[in-house]
Amino acid sequence: MDENIKKGIKRLAENAEIGVARSILRWKYKKEGRDAPGDDELKDQSRMVAEKAHDVIAERGKNVWHELKKVYAKTGVREDSDE
Protein backbone atom coordinates (compact mmCIF):
# COMPACT_ATOMS: atom_id res chain seq x y z
CA MET A 1 0.00 0.00 0.00
CA ASP A 2 1.25 3.47 -0.86
CA GLU A 3 2.80 5.28 2.11
CA ASN A 4 0.67 8.39 1.52
CA ILE A 5 -2.49 6.30 1.64
CA LYS A 6 -1.38 4.73 4.92
CA LYS A 7 -0.70 8.15 6.43
CA GLY A 8 -4.05 9.44 5.21
CA ILE A 9 -5.93 6.51 6.71
CA LYS A 10 -4.05 6.86 9.98
CA ARG A 11 -4.80 10.60 10.12
CA LEU A 12 -8.47 9.91 9.38
CA ALA A 13 -8.65 7.36 12.21
CA GLU A 14 -6.93 9.72 14.65
CA ASN A 15 -9.32 12.54 13.76
CA ALA A 16 -12.28 10.20 14.26
CA GLU A 17 -10.96 9.16 17.70
CA ILE A 18 -10.54 12.82 18.68
CA GLY A 19 -14.03 13.63 17.40
CA VAL A 20 -15.58 10.85 19.47
CA ALA A 21 -13.65 11.97 22.54
CA ARG A 22 -14.83 15.56 21.97
CA SER A 23 -18.46 14.42 21.77
CA ILE A 24 -18.12 12.42 24.96
CA LEU A 25 -16.50 15.34 26.77
CA ARG A 26 -19.27 17.70 25.66
CA TRP A 27 -21.87 15.18 26.87
CA LYS A 28 -20.04 14.82 30.19
CA TYR A 29 -19.90 18.58 30.75
CA LYS A 30 -23.59 18.91 29.89
CA LYS A 31 -24.54 16.01 32.18
CA GLU A 32 -22.62 17.63 35.04
CA GLY A 33 -24.36 20.95 34.36
CA ARG A 34 -21.11 22.72 33.53
CA ASP A 35 -20.28 24.86 30.55
CA ALA A 36 -17.93 23.21 28.09
CA PRO A 37 -14.58 24.97 27.69
CA GLY A 38 -13.70 26.85 24.52
CA ASP A 39 -13.04 25.01 21.28
CA ASP A 40 -9.25 25.11 21.66
CA GLU A 41 -9.35 23.76 25.22
CA LEU A 42 -11.89 21.09 24.28
CA LYS A 43 -9.74 20.08 21.30
CA ASP A 44 -6.68 19.71 23.55
CA GLN A 45 -8.62 17.70 26.12
CA SER A 46 -10.08 15.50 23.38
CA ARG A 47 -6.64 14.83 21.96
CA MET A 48 -5.30 13.82 25.40
CA VAL A 49 -8.28 11.54 26.06
CA ALA A 50 -7.96 9.88 22.64
CA GLU A 51 -4.22 9.31 23.15
CA LYS A 52 -4.80 7.78 26.59
CA ALA A 53 -7.58 5.53 25.26
CA HIS A 54 -5.33 4.44 22.40
CA ASP A 55 -2.51 3.60 24.83
CA VAL A 56 -4.83 1.59 27.09
CA ILE A 57 -6.25 -0.37 24.15
CA ALA A 58 -2.76 -1.06 22.76
CA GLU A 59 -1.48 -2.28 26.13
CA ARG A 60 -4.48 -4.51 26.74
CA GLY A 61 -4.16 -5.90 23.24
CA LYS A 62 -0.58 -6.89 24.01
CA ASN A 63 -1.72 -8.57 27.23
CA VAL A 64 -4.43 -10.51 25.39
CA TRP A 65 -1.95 -11.62 22.72
CA HIS A 66 0.53 -12.72 25.41
CA GLU A 67 -2.17 -14.74 27.21
CA LEU A 68 -3.27 -16.41 23.97
CA LYS A 69 0.31 -17.42 23.26
CA LYS A 70 0.58 -18.94 26.73
CA VAL A 71 -2.62 -20.96 26.21
CA TYR A 72 -1.36 -22.27 22.87
CA ALA A 73 1.98 -23.19 24.44
CA LYS A 74 0.21 -25.20 27.16
CA THR A 75 -1.97 -27.08 24.65
CA GLY A 76 1.00 -28.02 22.51
CA VAL A 77 -0.28 -26.28 19.39
CA ARG A 78 2.59 -24.95 17.33
CA GLU A 79 2.34 -21.36 16.07
CA ASP A 80 3.48 -22.30 12.57
CA SER A 81 1.10 -25.25 12.35
CA ASP A 82 -1.28 -25.40 9.36
CA GLU A 83 -4.13 -26.69 11.52
C-alpha atoms as a PDB file:
ATOM      1  CA  MET A   1       0.000   0.000   0.000  1.00  0.00           C
ATOM      2  CA  ASP A   2       1.247   3.470  -0.856  1.00  0.00           C
ATOM      3  CA  GLU A   3       2.803   5.276   2.112  1.00  0.00           C
ATOM      4  CA  ASN A   4       0.673   8.392   1.521  1.00  0.00           C
ATOM      5  CA  ILE A   5      -2.488   6.299   1.637  1.00  0.00           C
ATOM      6  CA  LYS A   6      -1.383   4.726   4.921  1.00  0.00           C
ATOM      7  CA  LYS A   7      -0.703   8.145   6.427  1.00  0.00           C
ATOM      8  CA  GLY A   8      -4.052   9.438   5.206  1.00  0.00           C
ATOM      9  CA  ILE A   9      -5.933   6.507   6.711  1.00  0.00           C
ATOM     10  CA  LYS A  10      -4.045   6.862   9.981  1.00  0.00           C
ATOM     11  CA  ARG A  11      -4.803  10.599  10.124  1.00  0.00           C
ATOM     12  CA  LEU A  12      -8.473   9.910   9.382  1.00  0.00           C
ATOM     13  CA  ALA A  13      -8.652   7.356  12.214  1.00  0.00           C
ATOM     14  CA  GLU A  14      -6.926   9.723  14.653  1.00  0.00           C
ATOM     15  CA  ASN A  15      -9.315  12.538  13.757  1.00  0.00           C
ATOM     16  CA  ALA A  16     -12.278  10.196  14.265  1.00  0.00           C
ATOM     17  CA  GLU A  17     -10.956   9.163  17.695  1.00  0.00           C
ATOM     18  CA  ILE A  18     -10.541  12.817  18.681  1.00  0.00           C
ATOM     19  CA  GLY A  19     -14.035  13.632  17.402  1.00  0.00           C
ATOM     20  CA  VAL A  20     -15.584  10.847  19.467  1.00  0.00           C
ATOM     21  CA  ALA A  21     -13.647  11.972  22.542  1.00  0.00           C
ATOM     22  CA  ARG A  22     -14.827  15.563  21.973  1.00  0.00           C
ATOM     23  CA  SER A  23     -18.457  14.420  21.768  1.00  0.00           C
ATOM     24  CA  ILE A  24     -18.117  12.416  24.961  1.00  0.00           C
ATOM     25  CA  LEU A  25     -16.501  15.337  26.771  1.00  0.00           C
ATOM     26  CA  ARG A  26     -19.274  17.702  25.664  1.00  0.00           C
ATOM     27  CA  TRP A  27     -21.867  15.182  26.865  1.00  0.00           C
ATOM     28  CA  LYS A  28     -20.041  14.823  30.190  1.00  0.00           C
ATOM     29  CA  TYR A  29     -19.900  18.584  30.752  1.00  0.00           C
ATOM     30  CA  LYS A  30     -23.588  18.911  29.889  1.00  0.00           C
ATOM     31  CA  LYS A  31     -24.539  16.013  32.178  1.00  0.00           C
ATOM     32  CA  GLU A  32     -22.615  17.625  35.041  1.00  0.00           C
ATOM     33  CA  GLY A  33     -24.361  20.945  34.362  1.00  0.00           C
ATOM     34  CA  ARG A  34     -21.107  22.723  33.534  1.00  0.00           C
ATOM     35  CA  ASP A  35     -20.284  24.860  30.546  1.00  0.00           C
ATOM     36  CA  ALA A  36     -17.934  23.207  28.092  1.00  0.00           C
ATOM     37  CA  PRO A  37     -14.579  24.970  27.690  1.00  0.00           C
ATOM     38  CA  GLY A  38     -13.700  26.845  24.521  1.00  0.00           C
ATOM     39  CA  ASP A  39     -13.035  25.011  21.279  1.00  0.00           C
ATOM     40  CA  ASP A  40      -9.251  25.106  21.665  1.00  0.00           C
ATOM     41  CA  GLU A  41      -9.347  23.757  25.222  1.00  0.00           C
ATOM     42  CA  LEU A  42     -11.891  21.089  24.279  1.00  0.00           C
ATOM     43  CA  LYS A  43      -9.741  20.083  21.304  1.00  0.00           C
ATOM     44  CA  ASP A  44      -6.677  19.708  23.552  1.00  0.00           C
ATOM     45  CA  GLN A  45      -8.622  17.697  26.123  1.00  0.00           C
ATOM     46  CA  SER A  46     -10.080  15.502  23.377  1.00  0.00           C
ATOM     47  CA  ARG A  47      -6.641  14.831  21.958  1.00  0.00           C
ATOM     48  CA  MET A  48      -5.305  13.817  25.398  1.00  0.00           C
ATOM     49  CA  VAL A  49      -8.284  11.537  26.061  1.00  0.00           C
ATOM     50  CA  ALA A  50      -7.963   9.884  22.641  1.00  0.00           C
ATOM     51  CA  GLU A  51      -4.218   9.309  23.145  1.00  0.00           C
ATOM     52  CA  LYS A  52      -4.804   7.782  26.590  1.00  0.00           C
ATOM     53  CA  ALA A  53      -7.582   5.531  25.257  1.00  0.00           C
ATOM     54  CA  HIS A  54      -5.330   4.442  22.396  1.00  0.00           C
ATOM     55  CA  ASP A  55      -2.505   3.603  24.829  1.00  0.00           C
ATOM     56  CA  VAL A  56      -4.832   1.592  27.085  1.00  0.00           C
ATOM     57  CA  ILE A  57      -6.246  -0.368  24.147  1.00  0.00           C
ATOM     58  CA  ALA A  58      -2.765  -1.058  22.759  1.00  0.00           C
ATOM     59  CA  GLU A  59      -1.482  -2.278  26.127  1.00  0.00           C
ATOM     60  CA  ARG A  60      -4.482  -4.511  26.744  1.00  0.00           C
ATOM     61  CA  GLY A  61      -4.160  -5.904  23.240  1.00  0.00           C
ATOM     62  CA  LYS A  62      -0.577  -6.888  24.015  1.00  0.00           C
ATOM     63  CA  ASN A  63      -1.723  -8.566  27.227  1.00  0.00           C
ATOM     64  CA  VAL A  64      -4.430 -10.510  25.388  1.00  0.00           C
ATOM     65  CA  TRP A  65      -1.953 -11.618  22.718  1.00  0.00           C
ATOM     66  CA  HIS A  66       0.526 -12.720  25.414  1.00  0.00           C
ATOM     67  CA  GLU A  67      -2.175 -14.741  27.215  1.00  0.00           C
ATOM     68  CA  LEU A  68      -3.267 -16.414  23.969  1.00  0.00           C
ATOM     69  CA  LYS A  69       0.312 -17.417  23.259  1.00  0.00           C
ATOM     70  CA  LYS A  70       0.582 -18.945  26.735  1.00  0.00           C
ATOM     71  CA  VAL A  71      -2.619 -20.955  26.207  1.00  0.00           C
ATOM     72  CA  TYR A  72      -1.364 -22.271  22.875  1.00  0.00           C
ATOM     73  CA  ALA A  73       1.977 -23.194  24.439  1.00  0.00           C
ATOM     74  CA  LYS A  74       0.208 -25.203  27.161  1.00  0.00           C
ATOM     75  CA  THR A  75      -1.972 -27.080  24.650  1.00  0.00           C
ATOM     76  CA  GLY A  76       1.001 -28.023  22.514  1.00  0.00           C
ATOM     77  CA  VAL A  77      -0.276 -26.279  19.388  1.00  0.00           C
ATOM     78  CA  ARG A  78       2.594 -24.955  17.334  1.00  0.00           C
ATOM     79  CA  GLU A  79       2.339 -21.364  16.074  1.00  0.00           C
ATOM     80  CA  ASP A  80       3.483 -22.296  12.569  1.00  0.00           C
ATOM     81  CA  SER A  81       1.097 -25.253  12.347  1.00  0.00           C
ATOM     82  CA  ASP A  82      -1.276 -25.401   9.365  1.00  0.00           C
ATOM     83  CA  GLU A  83      -4.131 -26.694  11.524  1.00  0.00           C
END
